[in-house]
Amino acid sequence: MKEIVFIVEESQDGGYFARAVNQSIVTQGETIEELRSMISDAVRCHFVEEEMPMYVHLHVTREETFTL
């Protein structure tokens, strides 16, 4: 595996929540920087060295509601 993709969402309680696409990896962090660190740790724990992805892609989504 060369790449892994995470969907990142802002948490209602503050911070960020990330889940991997096609892998059972989820994690969270208070800031994007902390989230990156948590994702790195989670990916390293999930894969053996031979299967470790080279790239991590973060797809950051944000929901916004407003009135007209």
N, C-alpha and C. Protein backbone atom coordinates (compact mmCIF):
# COMPACT_ATOMS: atom_id res chain seq x y z
N MET A 1 0.85 -1.18 0.00
CA MET A 1 0.00 0.00 0.00
C MET A 1 0.89 1.24 0.00
N LYS A 2 0.64 2.12 -0.92
CA LYS A 2 1.44 3.33 -1.01
C LYS A 2 0.80 4.52 -0.31
N GLU A 3 -0.54 4.52 -0.25
CA GLU A 3 -1.25 5.67 0.28
C GLU A 3 -2.40 5.24 1.18
N ILE A 4 -2.76 6.12 2.09
CA ILE A 4 -3.94 5.92 2.91
C ILE A 4 -4.65 7.27 2.99
N VAL A 5 -5.98 7.24 2.94
CA VAL A 5 -6.79 8.45 2.95
C VAL A 5 -7.61 8.49 4.23
N PHE A 6 -7.63 9.67 4.86
CA PHE A 6 -8.45 9.89 6.04
C PHE A 6 -9.47 10.98 5.75
N ILE A 7 -10.71 10.76 6.17
CA ILE A 7 -11.75 11.78 6.14
C ILE A 7 -11.68 12.48 7.50
N VAL A 8 -11.50 13.79 7.50
CA VAL A 8 -11.37 14.57 8.73
C VAL A 8 -12.58 15.48 8.86
N GLU A 9 -13.19 15.45 10.04
CA GLU A 9 -14.35 16.30 10.31
C GLU A 9 -14.12 17.06 11.60
N GLU A 10 -14.67 18.27 11.65
CA GLU A 10 -14.63 19.03 12.89
C GLU A 10 -15.63 18.39 13.87
N SER A 11 -15.21 18.21 15.10
CA SER A 11 -16.07 17.64 16.12
C SER A 11 -16.99 18.71 16.69
N GLN A 12 -18.20 18.33 17.05
CA GLN A 12 -19.13 19.28 17.66
C GLN A 12 -18.64 19.76 19.02
N ASP A 13 -17.81 18.95 19.67
CA ASP A 13 -17.27 19.28 20.98
C ASP A 13 -15.95 20.04 20.88
N GLY A 14 -15.52 20.35 19.67
CA GLY A 14 -14.23 20.99 19.45
C GLY A 14 -13.21 19.96 19.00
N GLY A 15 -12.20 20.39 18.30
CA GLY A 15 -11.19 19.47 17.80
C GLY A 15 -11.61 18.82 16.50
N TYR A 16 -10.93 17.74 16.18
CA TYR A 16 -11.12 17.06 14.90
C TYR A 16 -11.19 15.55 15.10
N PHE A 17 -11.91 14.88 14.21
CA PHE A 17 -12.09 13.44 14.22
C PHE A 17 -11.69 12.93 12.84
N ALA A 18 -10.89 11.86 12.79
CA ALA A 18 -10.45 11.32 11.50
C ALA A 18 -10.73 9.83 11.43
N ARG A 19 -11.17 9.38 10.25
CA ARG A 19 -11.37 7.95 10.02
C ARG A 19 -10.77 7.60 8.67
N ALA A 20 -10.10 6.47 8.63
CA ALA A 20 -9.44 6.03 7.40
C ALA A 20 -10.47 5.43 6.45
N VAL A 21 -10.24 5.63 5.17
CA VAL A 21 -11.06 5.01 4.14
C VAL A 21 -10.49 3.62 3.87
N ASN A 22 -11.32 2.61 3.92
CA ASN A 22 -10.95 1.21 3.66
C ASN A 22 -10.02 0.60 4.70
N GLN A 23 -9.89 1.20 5.85
CA GLN A 23 -9.11 0.63 6.96
C GLN A 23 -9.87 0.93 8.25
N SER A 24 -9.67 0.12 9.27
CA SER A 24 -10.36 0.35 10.54
C SER A 24 -9.47 1.16 11.48
N ILE A 25 -9.22 2.41 11.09
CA ILE A 25 -8.41 3.33 11.89
C ILE A 25 -9.23 4.58 12.14
N VAL A 26 -9.39 4.95 13.41
CA VAL A 26 -10.05 6.20 13.78
C VAL A 26 -9.21 6.85 14.88
N THR A 27 -9.19 8.18 14.90
CA THR A 27 -8.47 8.91 15.93
C THR A 27 -9.00 10.33 15.99
N GLN A 28 -8.53 11.08 16.98
CA GLN A 28 -8.98 12.46 17.12
C GLN A 28 -7.87 13.31 17.71
N GLY A 29 -8.01 14.65 17.58
CA GLY A 29 -7.06 15.59 18.14
C GLY A 29 -7.70 16.94 18.30
N GLU A 30 -7.15 17.74 19.20
CA GLU A 30 -7.68 19.07 19.45
C GLU A 30 -7.36 20.05 18.33
N THR A 31 -6.21 19.88 17.68
CA THR A 31 -5.80 20.75 16.58
C THR A 31 -5.43 19.87 15.38
N ILE A 32 -5.31 20.47 14.21
CA ILE A 32 -4.89 19.72 13.03
C ILE A 32 -3.49 19.14 13.25
N GLU A 33 -2.60 19.91 13.88
CA GLU A 33 -1.24 19.43 14.13
C GLU A 33 -1.25 18.21 15.05
N GLU A 34 -2.05 18.27 16.12
CA GLU A 34 -2.17 17.13 17.02
C GLU A 34 -2.81 15.95 16.30
N LEU A 35 -3.80 16.22 15.46
CA LEU A 35 -4.45 15.15 14.71
C LEU A 35 -3.46 14.45 13.79
N ARG A 36 -2.59 15.20 13.11
CA ARG A 36 -1.57 14.59 12.26
C ARG A 36 -0.69 13.64 13.06
N SER A 37 -0.29 14.07 14.24
CA SER A 37 0.55 13.23 15.10
C SER A 37 -0.20 11.96 15.52
N MET A 38 -1.46 12.11 15.87
CA MET A 38 -2.28 10.96 16.28
C MET A 38 -2.49 10.00 15.11
N ILE A 39 -2.69 10.53 13.92
CA ILE A 39 -2.84 9.69 12.73
C ILE A 39 -1.56 8.92 12.46
N SER A 40 -0.42 9.60 12.54
CA SER A 40 0.87 8.93 12.34
C SER A 40 1.05 7.77 13.30
N ASP A 41 0.75 8.00 14.57
CA ASP A 41 0.86 6.93 15.57
C ASP A 41 -0.08 5.78 15.26
N ALA A 42 -1.32 6.11 14.90
CA ALA A 42 -2.32 5.07 14.62
C ALA A 42 -1.93 4.24 13.41
N VAL A 43 -1.42 4.89 12.36
CA VAL A 43 -1.02 4.17 11.15
C VAL A 43 0.17 3.25 11.46
N ARG A 44 1.14 3.76 12.22
CA ARG A 44 2.30 2.94 12.57
C ARG A 44 1.90 1.72 13.40
N CYS A 45 0.90 1.87 14.26
CA CYS A 45 0.43 0.74 15.07
C CYS A 45 -0.39 -0.26 14.25
N HIS A 46 -1.04 0.21 13.22
CA HIS A 46 -1.97 -0.62 12.44
C HIS A 46 -1.26 -1.51 11.42
N PHE A 47 -0.17 -1.04 10.84
CA PHE A 47 0.49 -1.76 9.76
C PHE A 47 1.84 -2.31 10.19
N VAL A 48 2.21 -3.45 9.61
CA VAL A 48 3.57 -3.95 9.77
C VAL A 48 4.46 -3.16 8.81
N GLU A 49 5.75 -3.16 9.06
CA GLU A 49 6.68 -2.33 8.29
C GLU A 49 6.57 -2.52 6.78
N GLU A 50 6.40 -3.75 6.33
CA GLU A 50 6.35 -4.04 4.89
C GLU A 50 5.10 -3.46 4.22
N GLU A 51 4.04 -3.25 4.98
CA GLU A 51 2.78 -2.76 4.42
C GLU A 51 2.52 -1.28 4.73
N MET A 52 3.47 -0.62 5.38
CA MET A 52 3.29 0.77 5.80
C MET A 52 3.10 1.69 4.59
N PRO A 53 2.02 2.50 4.58
CA PRO A 53 1.82 3.44 3.48
C PRO A 53 2.91 4.51 3.48
N MET A 54 3.25 4.99 2.30
CA MET A 54 4.25 6.05 2.18
C MET A 54 3.62 7.43 2.36
N TYR A 55 2.37 7.57 1.96
CA TYR A 55 1.70 8.86 1.99
C TYR A 55 0.38 8.77 2.75
N VAL A 56 0.06 9.83 3.49
CA VAL A 56 -1.22 9.97 4.17
C VAL A 56 -1.91 11.19 3.58
N HIS A 57 -3.12 11.00 3.09
CA HIS A 57 -3.92 12.10 2.55
C HIS A 57 -5.03 12.43 3.55
N LEU A 58 -5.19 13.71 3.84
CA LEU A 58 -6.27 14.15 4.72
C LEU A 58 -7.29 14.90 3.87
N HIS A 59 -8.51 14.40 3.88
CA HIS A 59 -9.62 15.07 3.18
C HIS A 59 -10.44 15.75 4.28
N VAL A 60 -10.24 17.05 4.45
CA VAL A 60 -10.88 17.79 5.53
C VAL A 60 -12.23 18.31 5.06
N THR A 61 -13.28 17.93 5.80
CA THR A 61 -14.63 18.39 5.48
C THR A 61 -15.14 19.31 6.59
N ARG A 62 -16.02 20.19 6.23
CA ARG A 62 -16.57 21.11 7.21
C ARG A 62 -18.02 21.38 6.86
N GLU A 63 -18.87 21.25 7.83
CA GLU A 63 -20.28 21.54 7.61
C GLU A 63 -20.59 22.93 8.13
N GLU A 64 -21.33 23.67 7.34
CA GLU A 64 -21.69 25.04 7.74
C GLU A 64 -23.15 25.27 7.41
N THR A 65 -23.87 25.87 8.35
CA THR A 65 -25.29 26.19 8.17
C THR A 65 -25.47 27.67 8.36
N PHE A 66 -26.26 28.29 7.51
CA PHE A 66 -26.56 29.70 7.66
C PHE A 66 -27.99 29.95 7.23
N THR A 67 -28.53 31.09 7.64
CA THR A 67 -29.90 31.45 7.28
C THR A 67 -29.88 32.45 6.15
N LEU A 68 -30.97 32.49 5.43
CA LEU A 68 -31.10 33.45 4.31
C LEU A 68 -31.93 34.65 4.74
